[in-house]
């Protein structure tokens, strides 16, 4: 399945009839089983319905970093992002990708 960023945002956990999706490096993961983390009020709710690549790489929750851009990231940050991607792949199903 392909999602525009706008379409992906519809899966942000605010509609209980829809799954919760988070993208990393353009791949969309169904994180619904982690609703307590990614759903409304969860510690990572700001990532729901978005590509959280930059924020995960930088290990922060700054709103301006909750985006797909990898520009200017250090090698260490790229490695951190790869670790997150590996964790997501092991835990959550991939349901599609983000297209611009």
Protein backbone atom coordinates (compact mmCIF):
# COMPACT_ATOMS: atom_id res chain seq x y z
CA UNK A 1 0.00 0.00 0.00
CA UNK A 2 1.23 3.51 -0.76
CA UNK A 3 0.52 6.50 1.47
CA UNK A 4 1.04 10.19 0.94
CA UNK A 5 2.15 11.95 4.13
CA UNK A 6 -1.38 13.36 4.37
CA UNK A 7 -2.95 9.89 4.07
CA UNK A 8 -0.53 8.47 6.63
CA UNK A 9 -1.61 11.15 9.10
CA UNK A 10 -5.11 9.61 9.13
CA UNK A 11 -3.60 6.66 11.04
CA UNK A 12 -2.46 8.72 14.02
CA UNK A 13 -4.48 6.89 16.66
CA UNK A 14 -7.26 9.47 17.05
CA UNK A 15 -9.80 7.34 15.15
CA UNK A 16 -10.33 4.11 17.14
CA UNK A 17 -11.68 2.37 14.01
CA UNK A 18 -8.31 2.72 12.23
CA UNK A 19 -4.93 1.13 12.96
CA UNK A 20 -1.98 3.22 14.15
CA UNK A 21 0.90 3.58 11.70
CA UNK A 22 4.43 4.93 12.08
CA UNK A 23 6.89 5.19 9.19
CA UNK A 24 10.66 4.80 9.32
CA UNK A 25 12.70 5.62 6.22
CA UNK A 26 9.49 5.59 4.20
CA UNK A 27 8.34 2.13 5.32
CA UNK A 28 5.02 2.12 7.14
CA UNK A 29 4.64 -0.11 10.20
CA UNK A 30 1.37 -1.05 11.88
CA UNK A 31 2.14 -0.27 15.54
CA UNK A 32 -1.43 -0.84 16.74
CA UNK A 33 -0.26 -3.53 19.18
CA UNK A 34 1.80 -0.78 20.83
CA UNK A 35 -1.27 1.43 21.28
CA UNK A 36 -0.26 2.32 24.85
CA UNK A 37 2.94 3.88 23.42
CA UNK A 38 1.74 5.30 20.09
CA UNK A 39 -1.94 6.00 20.78
CA UNK A 40 -3.32 9.25 22.21
CA UNK A 41 -1.60 10.08 25.50
CA UNK A 42 1.19 7.55 24.85
CA UNK A 43 4.86 8.42 25.26
CA UNK A 44 5.41 8.24 21.48
CA UNK A 45 2.00 9.48 20.29
CA UNK A 46 3.69 12.33 18.38
CA UNK A 47 5.15 9.73 15.98
CA UNK A 48 1.77 8.20 15.08
CA UNK A 49 0.67 8.91 11.53
CA UNK A 50 4.09 10.29 10.58
CA UNK A 51 7.51 9.30 9.34
CA UNK A 52 9.50 9.55 12.57
CA UNK A 53 12.92 8.79 11.06
CA UNK A 54 14.73 11.98 12.05
CA UNK A 55 13.35 12.09 15.60
CA UNK A 56 14.26 8.43 16.19
CA UNK A 57 17.76 8.96 14.79
CA UNK A 58 18.28 11.98 17.05
CA UNK A 59 16.57 10.25 20.01
CA UNK A 60 14.27 13.19 20.65
CA UNK A 61 10.62 14.11 20.48
CA UNK A 62 10.98 17.63 19.10
CA UNK A 63 8.07 18.30 16.78
CA UNK A 64 10.34 19.75 14.07
CA UNK A 65 12.32 16.50 14.01
CA UNK A 66 9.29 14.22 13.53
CA UNK A 67 9.88 13.99 9.78
CA UNK A 68 11.47 11.83 7.12
CA UNK A 69 14.51 14.06 6.46
CA UNK A 70 17.87 12.45 7.12
CA UNK A 71 19.82 15.51 5.97
CA UNK A 72 22.76 16.38 8.18
CA UNK A 73 22.51 13.34 10.45
CA UNK A 74 25.79 11.99 11.80
CA UNK A 75 26.95 8.42 11.19
CA UNK A 76 26.11 7.66 14.81
CA UNK A 77 22.55 8.97 14.34
CA UNK A 78 22.13 6.91 11.15
CA UNK A 79 23.24 3.87 13.18
CA UNK A 80 20.70 4.67 15.91
CA UNK A 81 18.00 4.92 13.24
CA UNK A 82 19.05 1.54 11.83
CA UNK A 83 18.70 0.03 15.31
CA UNK A 84 15.17 1.46 15.59
CA UNK A 85 14.30 0.15 12.13
CA UNK A 86 15.53 -3.33 13.10
CA UNK A 87 13.43 -3.25 16.29
CA UNK A 88 10.33 -2.18 14.37
CA UNK A 89 10.88 -4.88 11.72
CA UNK A 90 11.10 -7.53 14.43
CA UNK A 91 8.00 -6.31 16.26
CA UNK A 92 5.53 -4.75 13.81
CA UNK A 93 4.21 -5.69 10.35
CA UNK A 94 5.11 -3.51 7.38
CA UNK A 95 1.92 -2.36 5.66
CA UNK A 96 3.21 -0.04 2.97
CA UNK A 97 5.41 2.88 2.13
CA UNK A 98 5.22 6.65 2.03
CA UNK A 99 5.32 8.27 -1.39
CA UNK A 100 5.60 11.97 -2.10
